[in-house]
Each structure stands twice: as structure tokens, then as C-alpha cells.
Amino acid sequence: RLSCVASGSTLSINYIGWYRQAQGKQRELVALIYYSGPTSYA
């Protein structure tokens, strides 16, 4: 389980989530959660 703590200007964040980058590859989307609640997954 990964955790990400946000600080600073956290109001009005549109979405927050995770990308990953394997060695020698481009960064890719893993999962996002939008402010209103919906989620998106690779």
C-alpha cells in the first residue's frame, strides 16, 4: 500500500493519483481519483 500526503494549497485540486515509470520506459498513468469522487485506472 502506497501513501501520498498532500500539503500546501490542497484546496481546488482537480485530481490526485499515481503514475509509474519503469526503467527505460515512459511514465504511465496508474490510477487517479477526481475531486468529485470518480476514479480512473490503467
Full PDB file with SEQRES, HELIX, SHEET, SSBOND, CRYST1, ORIGX, SCALE, CONECT and MASTER records, all heavy atoms in Angstrom:
SEQRES   1 A   42  ARG LEU SER CYS VAL ALA SER GLY SER THR LEU SER ILE          
SEQRES   2 A   42  ASN TYR ILE GLY TRP TYR ARG GLN ALA GLN GLY LYS GLN          
SEQRES   3 A   42  ARG GLU LEU VAL ALA LEU ILE TYR TYR SER GLY PRO THR          
SEQRES   4 A   42  SER TYR ALA                                                  
SHEET    1 AA1 3 TYR A  15  ARG A  20  0                                        
SHEET    2 AA1 3 GLU A  28  TYR A  34 -1                                        
SHEET    3 AA1 3 THR A  39  TYR A  41 -1                                        
CRYST1    1.000    1.000    1.000  90.00  90.00  90.00 P 1           1          
ORIGX1      1.000000  0.000000  0.000000        0.00000                         
ORIGX2      0.000000  1.000000  0.000000        0.00000                         
ORIGX3      0.000000  0.000000  1.000000        0.00000                         
SCALE1      1.000000  0.000000  0.000000        0.00000                         
SCALE2      0.000000  1.000000  0.000000        0.00000                         
SCALE3      0.000000  0.000000  1.000000        0.00000                         
ATOM      1  N   ARG A   1       0.844  -1.187   0.000  1.00  0.00           N  
ATOM      2  CA  ARG A   1       0.000   0.000   0.000  1.00  0.00           C  
ATOM      3  C   ARG A   1       0.878   1.236   0.000  1.00  0.00           C  
ATOM      4  O   ARG A   1       1.690   1.428   0.906  1.00  0.00           O  
ATOM      5  CB  ARG A   1      -0.938   0.030   1.199  1.00  0.00           C  
ATOM      6  CG  ARG A   1      -1.964   1.153   1.095  1.00  0.00           C  
ATOM      7  CD  ARG A   1      -2.964   1.177   2.218  1.00  0.00           C  
ATOM      8  NE  ARG A   1      -2.425   1.797   3.420  1.00  0.00           N  
ATOM      9  CZ  ARG A   1      -3.165   2.355   4.374  1.00  0.00           C  
ATOM     10  NH1 ARG A   1      -4.491   2.356   4.258  1.00  0.00           N  
ATOM     11  NH2 ARG A   1      -2.600   2.887   5.445  1.00  0.00           N  
ATOM     12  N   LEU A   2       0.692   2.049  -1.021  1.00  0.00           N  
ATOM     13  CA  LEU A   2       1.395   3.316  -1.114  1.00  0.00           C  
ATOM     14  C   LEU A   2       0.532   4.423  -0.519  1.00  0.00           C  
ATOM     15  O   LEU A   2      -0.692   4.386  -0.628  1.00  0.00           O  
ATOM     16  CB  LEU A   2       1.719   3.656  -2.565  1.00  0.00           C  
ATOM     17  CG  LEU A   2       2.504   2.609  -3.362  1.00  0.00           C  
ATOM     18  CD1 LEU A   2       2.799   3.159  -4.762  1.00  0.00           C  
ATOM     19  CD2 LEU A   2       3.770   2.207  -2.662  1.00  0.00           C  
ATOM     20  N   SER A   3       1.207   5.398   0.071  1.00  0.00           N  
ATOM     21  CA  SER A   3       0.522   6.561   0.619  1.00  0.00           C  
ATOM     22  C   SER A   3       1.138   7.824   0.040  1.00  0.00           C  
ATOM     23  O   SER A   3       2.336   7.869  -0.234  1.00  0.00           O  
ATOM     24  CB  SER A   3       0.648   6.607   2.144  1.00  0.00           C  
ATOM     25  OG  SER A   3       0.091   5.462   2.743  1.00  0.00           O  
ATOM     26  N   CYS A   4       0.320   8.842  -0.119  1.00  0.00           N  
ATOM     27  CA  CYS A   4       0.788  10.139  -0.583  1.00  0.00           C  
ATOM     28  C   CYS A   4       0.092  11.208   0.245  1.00  0.00           C  
ATOM     29  O   CYS A   4      -1.136  11.316   0.217  1.00  0.00           O  
ATOM     30  CB  CYS A   4       0.471  10.320  -2.065  1.00  0.00           C  
ATOM     31  SG  CYS A   4       0.831  11.978  -2.682  1.00  0.00           S  
ATOM     32  N   VAL A   5       0.896  11.967   0.970  1.00  0.00           N  
ATOM     33  CA  VAL A   5       0.357  13.057   1.786  1.00  0.00           C  
ATOM     34  C   VAL A   5       0.546  14.371   1.044  1.00  0.00           C  
ATOM     35  O   VAL A   5       1.663  14.705   0.629  1.00  0.00           O  
ATOM     36  CB  VAL A   5       1.061  13.115   3.153  1.00  0.00           C  
ATOM     37  CG1 VAL A   5       0.488  14.263   3.976  1.00  0.00           C  
ATOM     38  CG2 VAL A   5       0.892  11.797   3.893  1.00  0.00           C  
ATOM     39  N   ALA A   6      -0.540  15.093   0.873  1.00  0.00           N  
ATOM     40  CA  ALA A   6      -0.519  16.386   0.200  1.00  0.00           C  
ATOM     41  C   ALA A   6      -0.535  17.505   1.220  1.00  0.00           C  
ATOM     42  O   ALA A   6      -1.230  17.430   2.230  1.00  0.00           O  
ATOM     43  CB  ALA A   6      -1.708  16.514  -0.745  1.00  0.00           C  
ATOM     44  N   SER A   7       0.219  18.555   0.942  1.00  0.00           N  
ATOM     45  CA  SER A   7       0.221  19.743   1.794  1.00  0.00           C  
ATOM     46  C   SER A   7       0.346  20.976   0.924  1.00  0.00           C  
ATOM     47  O   SER A   7       0.603  20.887  -0.276  1.00  0.00           O  
ATOM     48  CB  SER A   7       1.365  19.675   2.817  1.00  0.00           C  
ATOM     49  OG  SER A   7       2.617  19.623   2.171  1.00  0.00           O  
ATOM     50  N   GLY A   8       0.176  22.127   1.543  1.00  0.00           N  
ATOM     51  CA  GLY A   8       0.221  23.368   0.780  1.00  0.00           C  
ATOM     52  C   GLY A   8      -1.170  23.749   0.315  1.00  0.00           C  
ATOM     53  O   GLY A   8      -2.123  23.622   1.066  1.00  0.00           O  
ATOM     54  N   SER A   9      -1.268  24.175  -0.911  1.00  0.00           N  
ATOM     55  CA  SER A   9      -2.544  24.648  -1.465  1.00  0.00           C  
ATOM     56  C   SER A   9      -3.360  23.462  -1.979  1.00  0.00           C  
ATOM     57  O   SER A   9      -3.487  23.234  -3.174  1.00  0.00           O  
ATOM     58  CB  SER A   9      -2.278  25.645  -2.591  1.00  0.00           C  
ATOM     59  OG  SER A   9      -1.537  26.743  -2.130  1.00  0.00           O  
ATOM     60  N   THR A  10      -3.935  22.711  -1.063  1.00  0.00           N  
ATOM     61  CA  THR A  10      -4.644  21.485  -1.447  1.00  0.00           C  
ATOM     62  C   THR A  10      -6.103  21.728  -1.823  1.00  0.00           C  
ATOM     63  O   THR A  10      -6.747  20.831  -2.365  1.00  0.00           O  
ATOM     64  CB  THR A  10      -4.582  20.451  -0.314  1.00  0.00           C  
ATOM     65  OG1 THR A  10      -5.140  21.033   0.864  1.00  0.00           O  
ATOM     66  CG2 THR A  10      -3.151  20.032  -0.037  1.00  0.00           C  
ATOM     67  N   LEU A  11      -6.615  22.923  -1.545  1.00  0.00           N  
ATOM     68  CA  LEU A  11      -7.975  23.210  -1.982  1.00  0.00           C  
ATOM     69  C   LEU A  11      -8.009  23.299  -3.502  1.00  0.00           C  
ATOM     70  O   LEU A  11      -7.046  23.714  -4.124  1.00  0.00           O  
ATOM     71  CB  LEU A  11      -8.463  24.523  -1.372  1.00  0.00           C  
ATOM     72  CG  LEU A  11      -8.663  24.538   0.140  1.00  0.00           C  
ATOM     73  CD1 LEU A  11      -9.091  25.925   0.595  1.00  0.00           C  
ATOM     74  CD2 LEU A  11      -9.708  23.505   0.550  1.00  0.00           C  
ATOM     75  N   SER A  12      -9.099  22.933  -4.076  1.00  0.00           N  
ATOM     76  CA  SER A  12      -9.324  23.028  -5.523  1.00  0.00           C  
ATOM     77  C   SER A  12      -8.403  22.125  -6.338  1.00  0.00           C  
ATOM     78  O   SER A  12      -8.139  22.396  -7.509  1.00  0.00           O  
ATOM     79  CB  SER A  12      -9.167  24.471  -6.009  1.00  0.00           C  
ATOM     80  OG  SER A  12     -10.080  25.311  -5.369  1.00  0.00           O  
ATOM     81  N   ILE A  13      -7.883  21.081  -5.720  1.00  0.00           N  
ATOM     82  CA  ILE A  13      -7.159  20.082  -6.511  1.00  0.00           C  
ATOM     83  C   ILE A  13      -8.175  19.380  -7.404  1.00  0.00           C  
ATOM     84  O   ILE A  13      -9.207  18.915  -6.934  1.00  0.00           O  
ATOM     85  CB  ILE A  13      -6.435  19.083  -5.610  1.00  0.00           C  
ATOM     86  CG1 ILE A  13      -5.198  19.724  -4.975  1.00  0.00           C  
ATOM     87  CG2 ILE A  13      -6.024  17.836  -6.386  1.00  0.00           C  
ATOM     88  CD1 ILE A  13      -4.437  18.822  -4.038  1.00  0.00           C  
ATOM     89  N   ASN A  14      -7.891  19.294  -8.689  1.00  0.00           N  
ATOM     90  CA  ASN A  14      -8.809  18.670  -9.632  1.00  0.00           C  
ATOM     91  C   ASN A  14      -8.797  17.146  -9.489  1.00  0.00           C  
ATOM     92  O   ASN A  14      -9.833  16.501  -9.501  1.00  0.00           O  
ATOM     93  CB  ASN A  14      -8.449  19.046 -11.064  1.00  0.00           C  
ATOM     94  CG  ASN A  14      -8.440  20.526 -11.258  1.00  0.00           C  
ATOM     95  OD1 ASN A  14      -7.421  21.126 -11.568  1.00  0.00           O  
ATOM     96  ND2 ASN A  14      -9.591  21.161 -11.060  1.00  0.00           N  
ATOM     97  N   TYR A  15      -7.580  16.603  -9.424  1.00  0.00           N  
ATOM     98  CA  TYR A  15      -7.433  15.175  -9.193  1.00  0.00           C  
ATOM     99  C   TYR A  15      -6.093  14.906  -8.528  1.00  0.00           C  
ATOM    100  O   TYR A  15      -5.190  15.748  -8.549  1.00  0.00           O  
ATOM    101  CB  TYR A  15      -7.556  14.351 -10.484  1.00  0.00           C  
ATOM    102  CG  TYR A  15      -6.529  14.631 -11.554  1.00  0.00           C  
ATOM    103  CD1 TYR A  15      -5.199  14.246 -11.413  1.00  0.00           C  
ATOM    104  CD2 TYR A  15      -6.910  15.248 -12.745  1.00  0.00           C  
ATOM    105  CE1 TYR A  15      -4.268  14.489 -12.398  1.00  0.00           C  
ATOM    106  CE2 TYR A  15      -5.982  15.494 -13.736  1.00  0.00           C  
ATOM    107  CZ  TYR A  15      -4.663  15.116 -13.564  1.00  0.00           C  
ATOM    108  OH  TYR A  15      -3.743  15.353 -14.551  1.00  0.00           O  
ATOM    109  N   ILE A  16      -5.972  13.748  -7.957  1.00  0.00           N  
ATOM    110  CA  ILE A  16      -4.732  13.302  -7.353  1.00  0.00           C  
ATOM    111  C   ILE A  16      -4.612  11.812  -7.618  1.00  0.00           C  
ATOM    112  O   ILE A  16      -5.620  11.115  -7.719  1.00  0.00           O  
ATOM    113  CB  ILE A  16      -4.698  13.625  -5.836  1.00  0.00           C  
ATOM    114  CG1 ILE A  16      -3.312  13.366  -5.240  1.00  0.00           C  
ATOM    115  CG2 ILE A  16      -5.788  12.865  -5.096  1.00  0.00           C  
ATOM    116  CD1 ILE A  16      -3.151  13.966  -3.847  1.00  0.00           C  
ATOM    117  N   GLY A  17      -3.392  11.350  -7.798  1.00  0.00           N  
ATOM    118  CA  GLY A  17      -3.256   9.937  -8.102  1.00  0.00           C  
ATOM    119  C   GLY A  17      -1.825   9.518  -8.317  1.00  0.00           C  
ATOM    120  O   GLY A  17      -0.895  10.147  -7.799  1.00  0.00           O  
ATOM    121  N   TRP A  18      -1.680   8.459  -9.102  1.00  0.00           N  
ATOM    122  CA  TRP A  18      -0.395   7.797  -9.236  1.00  0.00           C  
ATOM    123  C   TRP A  18      -0.028   7.537 -10.695  1.00  0.00           C  
ATOM    124  O   TRP A  18      -0.866   7.103 -11.484  1.00  0.00           O  
ATOM    125  CB  TRP A  18      -0.430   6.457  -8.500  1.00  0.00           C  
ATOM    126  CG  TRP A  18      -0.682   6.605  -7.039  1.00  0.00           C  
ATOM    127  CD1 TRP A  18      -1.901   6.637  -6.424  1.00  0.00           C  
ATOM    128  CD2 TRP A  18       0.295   6.771  -6.011  1.00  0.00           C  
ATOM    129  NE1 TRP A  18      -1.734   6.812  -5.075  1.00  0.00           N  
ATOM    130  CE2 TRP A  18      -0.404   6.897  -4.790  1.00  0.00           C  
ATOM    131  CE3 TRP A  18       1.685   6.824  -6.002  1.00  0.00           C  
ATOM    132  CZ2 TRP A  18       0.259   7.073  -3.576  1.00  0.00           C  
ATOM    133  CZ3 TRP A  18       2.337   6.988  -4.793  1.00  0.00           C  
ATOM    134  CH2 TRP A  18       1.628   7.110  -3.598  1.00  0.00           C  
ATOM    135  N   TYR A  19       1.231   7.798 -10.992  1.00  0.00           N  
ATOM    136  CA  TYR A  19       1.866   7.363 -12.219  1.00  0.00           C  
ATOM    137  C   TYR A  19       3.028   6.470 -11.821  1.00  0.00           C  
ATOM    138  O   TYR A  19       3.452   6.450 -10.668  1.00  0.00           O  
ATOM    139  CB  TYR A  19       2.394   8.562 -13.017  1.00  0.00           C  
ATOM    140  CG  TYR A  19       1.364   9.267 -13.867  1.00  0.00           C  
ATOM    141  CD1 TYR A  19       0.318   9.980 -13.296  1.00  0.00           C  
ATOM    142  CD2 TYR A  19       1.449   9.230 -15.263  1.00  0.00           C  
ATOM    143  CE1 TYR A  19      -0.623  10.632 -14.082  1.00  0.00           C  
ATOM    144  CE2 TYR A  19       0.519   9.882 -16.054  1.00  0.00           C  
ATOM    145  CZ  TYR A  19      -0.504  10.585 -15.451  1.00  0.00           C  
ATOM    146  OH  TYR A  19      -1.433  11.225 -16.241  1.00  0.00           O  
ATOM    147  N   ARG A  20       3.567   5.767 -12.793  1.00  0.00           N  
ATOM    148  CA  ARG A  20       4.762   4.967 -12.542  1.00  0.00           C  
ATOM    149  C   ARG A  20       5.682   5.015 -13.748  1.00  0.00           C  
ATOM    150  O   ARG A  20       5.245   5.249 -14.865  1.00  0.00           O  
ATOM    151  CB  ARG A  20       4.410   3.519 -12.212  1.00  0.00           C  
ATOM    152  CG  ARG A  20       3.805   2.727 -13.359  1.00  0.00           C  
ATOM    153  CD  ARG A  20       3.344   1.344 -12.881  1.00  0.00           C  
ATOM    154  NE  ARG A  20       2.768   0.560 -13.952  1.00  0.00           N  
ATOM    155  CZ  ARG A  20       2.168  -0.611 -13.783  1.00  0.00           C  
ATOM    156  NH1 ARG A  20       2.058  -1.136 -12.555  1.00  0.00           N  
ATOM    157  NH2 ARG A  20       1.678  -1.268 -14.811  1.00  0.00           N  
ATOM    158  N   GLN A  21       6.951   4.782 -13.469  1.00  0.00           N  
ATOM    159  CA  GLN A  21       7.944   4.769 -14.534  1.00  0.00           C  
ATOM    160  C   GLN A  21       8.908   3.628 -14.300  1.00  0.00           C  
ATOM    161  O   GLN A  21       9.656   3.634 -13.310  1.00  0.00           O  
ATOM    162  CB  GLN A  21       8.693   6.101 -14.614  1.00  0.00           C  
ATOM    163  CG  GLN A  21       9.613   6.211 -15.810  1.00  0.00           C  
ATOM    164  CD  GLN A  21      10.090   7.627 -16.031  1.00  0.00           C  
ATOM    165  OE1 GLN A  21      10.035   8.478 -15.153  1.00  0.00           O  
ATOM    166  NE2 GLN A  21      10.559   7.893 -17.243  1.00  0.00           N  
ATOM    167  N   ALA A  22       8.869   2.664 -15.191  1.00  0.00           N  
ATOM    168  CA  ALA A  22       9.816   1.563 -15.150  1.00  0.00           C  
ATOM    169  C   ALA A  22      11.112   1.984 -15.842  1.00  0.00           C  
ATOM    170  O   ALA A  22      11.112   2.886 -16.684  1.00  0.00           O  
ATOM    171  CB  ALA A  22       9.233   0.332 -15.827  1.00  0.00           C  
ATOM    172  N   GLN A  23      12.185   1.316 -15.511  1.00  0.00           N  
ATOM    173  CA  GLN A  23      13.479   1.677 -16.080  1.00  0.00           C  
ATOM    174  C   GLN A  23      13.439   1.559 -17.593  1.00  0.00           C  
ATOM    175  O   GLN A  23      13.017   0.534 -18.135  1.00  0.00           O  
ATOM    176  CB  GLN A  23      14.570   0.779 -15.512  1.00  0.00           C  
ATOM    177  CG  GLN A  23      15.974   1.283 -15.769  1.00  0.00           C  
ATOM    178  CD  GLN A  23      17.007   0.549 -14.948  1.00  0.00           C  
ATOM    179  OE1 GLN A  23      16.706  -0.426 -14.264  1.00  0.00           O  
ATOM    180  NE2 GLN A  23      18.237   1.018 -15.003  1.00  0.00           N  
ATOM    181  N   GLY A  24      13.843   2.617 -18.273  1.00  0.00           N  
ATOM    182  CA  GLY A  24      13.884   2.619 -19.724  1.00  0.00           C  
ATOM    183  C   GLY A  24      12.559   2.846 -20.406  1.00  0.00           C  
ATOM    184  O   GLY A  24      12.467   2.760 -21.631  1.00  0.00           O  
ATOM    185  N   LYS A  25      11.511   3.121 -19.621  1.00  0.00           N  
ATOM    186  CA  LYS A  25      10.190   3.318 -20.207  1.00  0.00           C  
ATOM    187  C   LYS A  25       9.641   4.680 -19.834  1.00  0.00           C  
ATOM    188  O   LYS A  25      10.137   5.338 -18.922  1.00  0.00           O  
ATOM    189  CB  LYS A  25       9.239   2.215 -19.732  1.00  0.00           C  
ATOM    190  CG  LYS A  25       9.622   0.823 -20.217  1.00  0.00           C  
ATOM    191  CD  LYS A  25       8.553  -0.184 -19.860  1.00  0.00           C  
ATOM    192  CE  LYS A  25       8.898  -1.567 -20.398  1.00  0.00           C  
ATOM    193  NZ  LYS A  25       7.841  -2.562 -20.082  1.00  0.00           N  
ATOM    194  N   GLN A  26       8.595   5.075 -20.542  1.00  0.00           N  
ATOM    195  CA  GLN A  26       7.950   6.354 -20.252  1.00  0.00           C  
ATOM    196  C   GLN A  26       7.068   6.246 -19.009  1.00  0.00           C  
ATOM    197  O   GLN A  26       6.589   5.165 -18.662  1.00  0.00           O  
ATOM    198  CB  GLN A  26       7.101   6.790 -21.456  1.00  0.00           C  
ATOM    199  CG  GLN A  26       7.905   7.235 -22.657  1.00  0.00           C  
ATOM    200  CD  GLN A  26       7.040   7.863 -23.735  1.00  0.00           C  
ATOM    201  OE1 GLN A  26       5.873   7.519 -23.883  1.00  0.00           O  
ATOM    202  NE2 GLN A  26       7.601   8.789 -24.488  1.00  0.00           N  
ATOM    203  N   ARG A  27       6.878   7.381 -18.376  1.00  0.00           N  
ATOM    204  CA  ARG A  27       5.977   7.428 -17.229  1.00  0.00           C  
ATOM    205  C   ARG A  27       4.549   7.160 -17.721  1.00  0.00           C  
ATOM    206  O   ARG A  27       4.130   7.680 -18.751  1.00  0.00           O  
ATOM    207  CB  ARG A  27       6.071   8.789 -16.549  1.00  0.00           C  
ATOM    208  CG  ARG A  27       5.424   8.860 -15.191  1.00  0.00           C  
ATOM    209  CD  ARG A  27       5.739  10.179 -14.499  1.00  0.00           C  
ATOM    210  NE  ARG A  27       7.176  10.312 -14.206  1.00  0.00           N  
ATOM    211  CZ  ARG A  27       7.680  11.281 -13.447  1.00  0.00           C  
ATOM    212  NH1 ARG A  27       6.867  12.169 -12.886  1.00  0.00           N  
ATOM    213  NH2 ARG A  27       8.977  11.351 -13.245  1.00  0.00           N  
ATOM    214  N   GLU A  28       3.814   6.351 -16.959  1.00  0.00           N  
ATOM    215  CA  GLU A  28       2.463   5.990 -17.376  1.00  0.00           C  
ATOM    216  C   GLU A  28       1.487   6.126 -16.220  1.00  0.00           C  
ATOM    217  O   GLU A  28       1.839   5.974 -15.047  1.00  0.00           O  
ATOM    218  CB  GLU A  28       2.424   4.548 -17.901  1.00  0.00           C  
ATOM    219  CG  GLU A  28       2.790   3.494 -16.881  1.00  0.00           C  
ATOM    220  CD  GLU A  28       2.662   2.070 -17.405  1.00  0.00           C  
ATOM    221  OE1 GLU A  28       2.391   1.884 -18.611  1.00  0.00           O  
ATOM    222  OE2 GLU A  28       2.826   1.145 -16.596  1.00  0.00           O  
ATOM    223  N   LEU A  29       0.242   6.375 -16.593  1.00  0.00           N  
ATOM    224  CA  LEU A  29      -0.820   6.501 -15.608  1.00  0.00           C  
ATOM    225  C   LEU A  29      -1.090   5.166 -14.933  1.00  0.00           C  
ATOM    226  O   LEU A  29      -1.114   4.122 -15.588  1.00  0.00           O  
ATOM    227  CB  LEU A  29      -2.099   6.976 -16.292  1.00  0.00           C  
ATOM    228  CG  LEU A  29      -3.373   6.929 -15.464  1.00  0.00           C  
ATOM    229  CD1 LEU A  29      -3.328   7.986 -14.375  1.00  0.00           C  
ATOM    230  CD2 LEU A  29      -4.591   7.114 -16.352  1.00  0.00           C  
ATOM    231  N   VAL A  30      -1.298   5.206 -13.627  1.00  0.00           N  
ATOM    232  CA  VAL A  30      -1.727   4.023 -12.881  1.00  0.00           C  
ATOM    233  C   VAL A  30      -3.178   4.202 -12.433  1.00  0.00           C  
ATOM    234  O   VAL A  30      -4.045   3.408 -12.779  1.00  0.00           O  
ATOM    235  CB  VAL A  30      -0.822   3.766 -11.668  1.00  0.00           C  
ATOM    236  CG1 VAL A  30      -1.332   2.560 -10.873  1.00  0.00           C  
ATOM    237  CG2 VAL A  30       0.616   3.555 -12.102  1.00  0.00           C  
ATOM    238  N   ALA A  31      -3.437   5.244 -11.650  1.00  0.00           N  
ATOM    239  CA  ALA A  31      -4.785   5.464 -11.130  1.00  0.00           C  
ATOM    240  C   ALA A  31      -4.923   6.906 -10.686  1.00  0.00           C  
ATOM    241  O   ALA A  31      -3.957   7.500 -10.193  1.00  0.00           O  
ATOM    242  CB  ALA A  31      -5.082   4.527  -9.965  1.00  0.00           C  
ATOM    243  N   LEU A  32      -6.125   7.456 -10.861  1.00  0.00           N  
ATOM    244  CA  LEU A  32      -6.437   8.804 -10.425  1.00  0.00           C  
ATOM    245  C   LEU A  32      -7.760   8.804  -9.680  1.00  0.00           C  
ATOM    246  O   LEU A  32      -8.630   7.976  -9.959  1.00  0.00           O  
ATOM    247  CB  LEU A  32      -6.562   9.753 -11.618  1.00  0.00           C  
ATOM    248  CG  LEU A  32      -5.340   9.972 -12.505  1.00  0.00           C  
ATOM    249  CD1 LEU A  32      -5.726  10.840 -13.702  1.00  0.00           C  
ATOM    250  CD2 LEU A  32      -4.218  10.592 -11.728  1.00  0.00           C  
ATOM    251  N   ILE A  33      -7.904   9.741  -8.771  1.00  0.00           N  
ATOM    252  CA  ILE A  33      -9.192   9.970  -8.132  1.00  0.00           C  
ATOM    253  C   ILE A  33      -9.494  11.459  -8.254  1.00  0.00           C  
ATOM    254  O   ILE A  33      -8.661  12.312  -7.927  1.00  0.00           O  
ATOM    255  CB  ILE A  33      -9.214   9.478  -6.673  1.00  0.00           C  
ATOM    256  CG1 ILE A  33     -10.610   9.620  -6.072  1.00  0.00           C  
ATOM    257  CG2 ILE A  33      -8.156  10.155  -5.818  1.00  0.00           C  
ATOM    258  CD1 ILE A  33     -10.805   8.815  -4.796  1.00  0.00           C  
ATOM    259  N   TYR A  34     -10.662  11.767  -8.783  1.00  0.00           N  
ATOM    260  CA  TYR A  34     -11.032  13.140  -9.035  1.00  0.00           C  
ATOM    261  C   TYR A  34     -11.663  13.772  -7.807  1.00  0.00           C  
ATOM    262  O   TYR A  34     -12.145  13.072  -6.903  1.00  0.00           O  
ATOM    263  CB  TYR A  34     -11.982  13.209 -10.230  1.00  0.00           C  
ATOM    264  CG  TYR A  34     -11.287  12.866 -11.523  1.00  0.00           C  
ATOM    265  CD1 TYR A  34     -11.101  11.546 -11.918  1.00  0.00           C  
ATOM    266  CD2 TYR A  34     -10.769  13.863 -12.344  1.00  0.00           C  
ATOM    267  CE1 TYR A  34     -10.436  11.228 -13.079  1.00  0.00           C  
ATOM    268  CE2 TYR A  34     -10.107  13.555 -13.518  1.00  0.00           C  
ATOM    269  CZ  TYR A  34      -9.943  12.237 -13.875  1.00  0.00           C  
ATOM    270  OH  TYR A  34      -9.282  11.926 -15.024  1.00  0.00           O  
ATOM    271  N   TYR A  35     -11.662  15.097  -7.785  1.00  0.00           N  
ATOM    272  CA  TYR A  35     -12.179  15.816  -6.623  1.00  0.00           C  
ATOM    273  C   TYR A  35     -13.609  15.388  -6.311  1.00  0.00           C  
ATOM    274  O   TYR A  35     -13.983  15.213  -5.156  1.00  0.00           O  
ATOM    275  CB  TYR A  35     -12.134  17.322  -6.891  1.00  0.00           C  
ATOM    276  CG  TYR A  35     -12.763  18.133  -5.792  1.00  0.00           C  
ATOM    277  CD1 TYR A  35     -12.081  18.394  -4.609  1.00  0.00           C  
ATOM    278  CD2 TYR A  35     -14.063  18.618  -5.928  1.00  0.00           C  
ATOM    279  CE1 TYR A  35     -12.655  19.127  -3.597  1.00  0.00           C  
ATOM    280  CE2 TYR A  35     -14.652  19.357  -4.911  1.00  0.00           C  
ATOM    281  CZ  TYR A  35     -13.940  19.604  -3.754  1.00  0.00           C  
ATOM    282  OH  TYR A  35     -14.531  20.322  -2.743  1.00  0.00           O  
ATOM    283  N   SER A  36     -14.405  15.180  -7.358  1.00  0.00           N  
ATOM    284  CA  SER A  36     -15.811  14.810  -7.169  1.00  0.00           C  
ATOM    285  C   SER A  36     -16.003  13.345  -6.831  1.00  0.00           C  
ATOM    286  O   SER A  36     -17.122  12.923  -6.542  1.00  0.00           O  
ATOM    287  CB  SER A  36     -16.612  15.159  -8.427  1.00  0.00           C  
ATOM    288  OG  SER A  36     -16.017  14.569  -9.561  1.00  0.00           O  
ATOM    289  N   GLY A  37     -14.933  12.565  -6.895  1.00  0.00           N  
ATOM    290  CA  GLY A  37     -15.047  11.186  -6.463  1.00  0.00           C  
ATOM    291  C   GLY A  37     -14.749  10.089  -7.460  1.00  0.00           C  
ATOM    292  O   GLY A  37     -14.284   9.014  -7.073  1.00  0.00           O  
ATOM    293  N   PRO A  38     -15.018  10.282  -8.760  1.00  0.00           N  
ATOM    294  CA  PRO A  38     -14.761   9.203  -9.719  1.00  0.00           C  
ATOM    295  C   PRO A  38     -13.282   8.816  -9.759  1.00  0.00           C  
ATOM    296  O   PRO A  38     -12.405   9.613  -9.428  1.00  0.00           O  
ATOM    297  CB  PRO A  38     -15.180   9.811 -11.054  1.00  0.00           C  
ATOM    298  CG  PRO A  38     -16.145  10.878 -10.709  1.00  0.00           C  
ATOM    299  CD  PRO A  38     -15.652  11.431  -9.390  1.00  0.00           C  
ATOM    300  N   THR A  39     -13.068   7.581 -10.158  1.00  0.00           N  
ATOM    301  CA  THR A  39     -11.709   7.074 -10.263  1.00  0.00           C  
ATOM    302  C   THR A  39     -11.431   6.610 -11.683  1.00  0.00           C  
ATOM    303  O   THR A  39     -12.353   6.339 -12.464  1.00  0.00           O  
ATOM    304  CB  THR A  39     -11.480   5.902  -9.300  1.00  0.00           C  
ATOM    305  OG1 THR A  39     -12.441   4.877  -9.573  1.00  0.00           O  
ATOM    306  CG2 THR A  39     -11.621   6.351  -7.849  1.00  0.00           C  
ATOM    307  N   SER A  40     -10.161   6.517 -11.999  1.00  0.00           N  
ATOM    308  CA  SER A  40      -9.733   6.062 -13.315  1.00  0.00           C  
ATOM    309  C   SER A  40      -8.505   5.186 -13.125  1.00  0.00           C  
ATOM    310  O   SER A  40      -7.621   5.528 -12.332  1.00  0.00           O  
ATOM    311  CB  SER A  40      -9.407   7.264 -14.207  1.00  0.00           C  
ATOM    312  OG  SER A  40      -8.938   6.846 -15.472  1.00  0.00           O  
ATOM    313  N   TYR A  41      -8.473   4.059 -13.852  1.00  0.00           N  
ATOM    314  CA  TYR A  41      -7.371   3.113 -13.728  1.00  0.00           C  
ATOM    315  C   TYR A  41      -6.815   2.746 -15.090  1.00  0.00           C  
ATOM    316  O   TYR A  41      -7.550   2.668 -16.075  1.00  0.00           O  
ATOM    317  CB  TYR A  41      -7.848   1.813 -13.066  1.00  0.00           C  
ATOM    318  CG  TYR A  41      -8.273   1.948 -11.629  1.00  0.00           C  
ATOM    319  CD1 TYR A  41      -9.596   2.203 -11.299  1.00  0.00           C  
ATOM    320  CD2 TYR A  41      -7.342   1.816 -10.601  1.00  0.00           C  
ATOM    321  CE1 TYR A  41      -9.990   2.323  -9.970  1.00  0.00           C  
ATOM    322  CE2 TYR A  41      -7.723   1.923  -9.268  1.00  0.00           C  
ATOM    323  CZ  TYR A  41      -9.057   2.182  -8.969  1.00  0.00           C  
ATOM    324  OH  TYR A  41      -9.442   2.294  -7.654  1.00  0.00           O  
ATOM    325  N   ALA A  42      -5.521   2.459 -15.107  1.00  0.00           N  
ATOM    326  CA  ALA A  42      -4.942   1.858 -16.304  1.00  0.00           C  
ATOM    327  C   ALA A  42      -5.487   0.441 -16.441  1.00  0.00           C  
ATOM    328  O   ALA A  42      -5.739  -0.242 -15.438  1.00  0.00           O  
ATOM    329  CB  ALA A  42      -3.421   1.819 -16.174  1.00  0.00           C  
TER     330      ALA A  42                                                      
MASTER        0    0    0    0    3    0    0    6  329    1    0    4          
END                                                                             
